[in-house]
Protein backbone atom coordinates (compact mmCIF):
# COMPACT_ATOMS: atom_id res chain seq x y z
CA MET A 1 -292.18 -37.96 39.26
CA ASN A 2 -294.34 -35.33 40.91
CA VAL A 3 -295.32 -35.31 44.58
CA VAL A 4 -298.97 -36.27 43.98
CA ALA A 5 -298.04 -39.28 41.85
CA GLU A 6 -295.50 -40.42 44.44
CA GLU A 7 -298.11 -40.13 47.23
CA ASN A 8 -300.64 -42.09 45.14
CA LYS A 9 -298.03 -44.77 44.54
CA ARG A 10 -297.38 -45.04 48.30
CA GLN A 11 -301.13 -45.27 48.89
CA VAL A 12 -301.46 -48.15 46.40
CA ILE A 13 -298.58 -50.01 48.03
CA SER A 14 -300.14 -49.44 51.45
CA LEU A 15 -303.52 -50.76 50.25
CA LEU A 16 -301.89 -53.85 48.78
CA ASP A 17 -299.85 -54.48 51.92
CA GLU A 18 -302.98 -54.19 54.05
CA ALA A 19 -304.93 -56.44 51.69
CA TYR A 20 -302.29 -59.14 51.89
CA ALA A 21 -301.94 -58.85 55.65
CA CYS A 22 -305.65 -59.33 56.37
CA ARG A 23 -306.22 -62.16 53.87
CA THR A 24 -306.37 -64.86 56.54
CA ASN A 25 -308.93 -63.01 58.68
CA ASN A 26 -311.10 -61.22 56.13
CA LEU A 27 -310.69 -62.31 52.52
CA ASN A 28 -313.55 -60.12 51.32
CA GLN A 29 -311.87 -57.04 52.80
CA SER A 30 -308.63 -58.10 51.11
CA SER A 31 -310.41 -58.21 47.76
CA GLN A 32 -311.98 -54.79 48.31
CA LEU A 33 -308.64 -53.23 49.23
CA ALA A 34 -306.96 -54.79 46.20
CA LYS A 35 -309.75 -53.45 43.97
CA LYS A 36 -309.21 -49.95 45.38
CA ALA A 37 -305.49 -50.34 44.72
CA LEU A 38 -306.24 -51.40 41.14
CA VAL A 39 -308.46 -48.38 40.52
CA LEU A 40 -305.83 -46.01 41.87
CA SER A 41 -303.06 -47.79 39.95
CA ARG A 42 -304.98 -47.36 36.73
CA ARG A 43 -305.67 -43.71 37.55
CA ILE A 44 -301.95 -42.99 37.90
CA ASN A 45 -301.18 -45.35 34.99
CA ASP A 46 -298.50 -47.32 36.85
CA ARG A 47 -298.17 -50.60 34.98
CA ALA A 48 -296.17 -52.34 37.72
CA LEU A 49 -298.77 -51.51 40.36
CA ILE A 50 -301.62 -52.45 38.02
CA GLY A 51 -299.97 -55.85 37.58
CA LYS A 52 -299.40 -56.27 41.32
CA SER A 53 -303.01 -55.31 42.05
CA LEU A 54 -304.32 -57.78 39.49
CA SER A 55 -302.02 -60.47 40.83
CA GLU A 56 -303.30 -60.03 44.38
CA LEU A 57 -306.91 -59.98 43.18
CA ALA A 58 -306.25 -63.25 41.35
CA LEU A 59 -304.72 -64.75 44.49
CA PHE A 60 -307.70 -63.78 46.63
CA SER A 61 -310.13 -65.09 44.00
CA MET A 62 -308.24 -68.37 43.84
CA ILE A 63 -308.33 -68.73 47.62
CA LYS A 64 -312.10 -68.11 47.62
CA GLY A 65 -312.55 -70.60 44.79
CA GLU A 66 -313.82 -67.93 42.42
CA HIS A 67 -311.20 -68.83 39.82
CA VAL A 68 -313.16 -71.96 39.00
CA ASN A 69 -316.28 -69.90 38.27
CA VAL A 70 -314.27 -67.50 36.12
CA LEU A 71 -312.80 -70.35 34.09
CA ILE A 72 -316.19 -72.02 33.64
CA ASN A 73 -317.81 -68.74 32.55
CA ARG A 74 -314.96 -67.98 30.16
CA LYS A 75 -315.20 -71.45 28.59
CA ALA A 76 -318.97 -71.09 28.27
CA LYS A 77 -318.60 -67.72 26.56
CA ASP A 78 -315.94 -69.10 24.21
CA PHE A 79 -318.22 -72.02 23.39
CA GLU A 80 -321.18 -69.70 22.73
CA PHE A 81 -319.01 -67.47 20.54
CA HIS A 82 -317.78 -70.39 18.45
CA CYS A 83 -321.31 -71.77 18.09
CA MET A 84 -322.54 -68.43 16.79
CA TYR A 85 -319.96 -68.24 14.01
């Protein structure tokens, strides 16, 4: 692995660590940091870090109660899709 990729990987891990650490004080900041980590993970195409970023985003969404909205919207879209065809 080249030096740039290794540094990017360390940056993603640092972002995720910081996001998790501040979740009790500033959940919105945690979500923003996890989103940045996800973008960088996708840029370097690291599947493990993409998964970890998505997992932390899901955790923060669940804590904020956003998972309920996501499920409701997904069910509504599925219902609309099935009604159309």
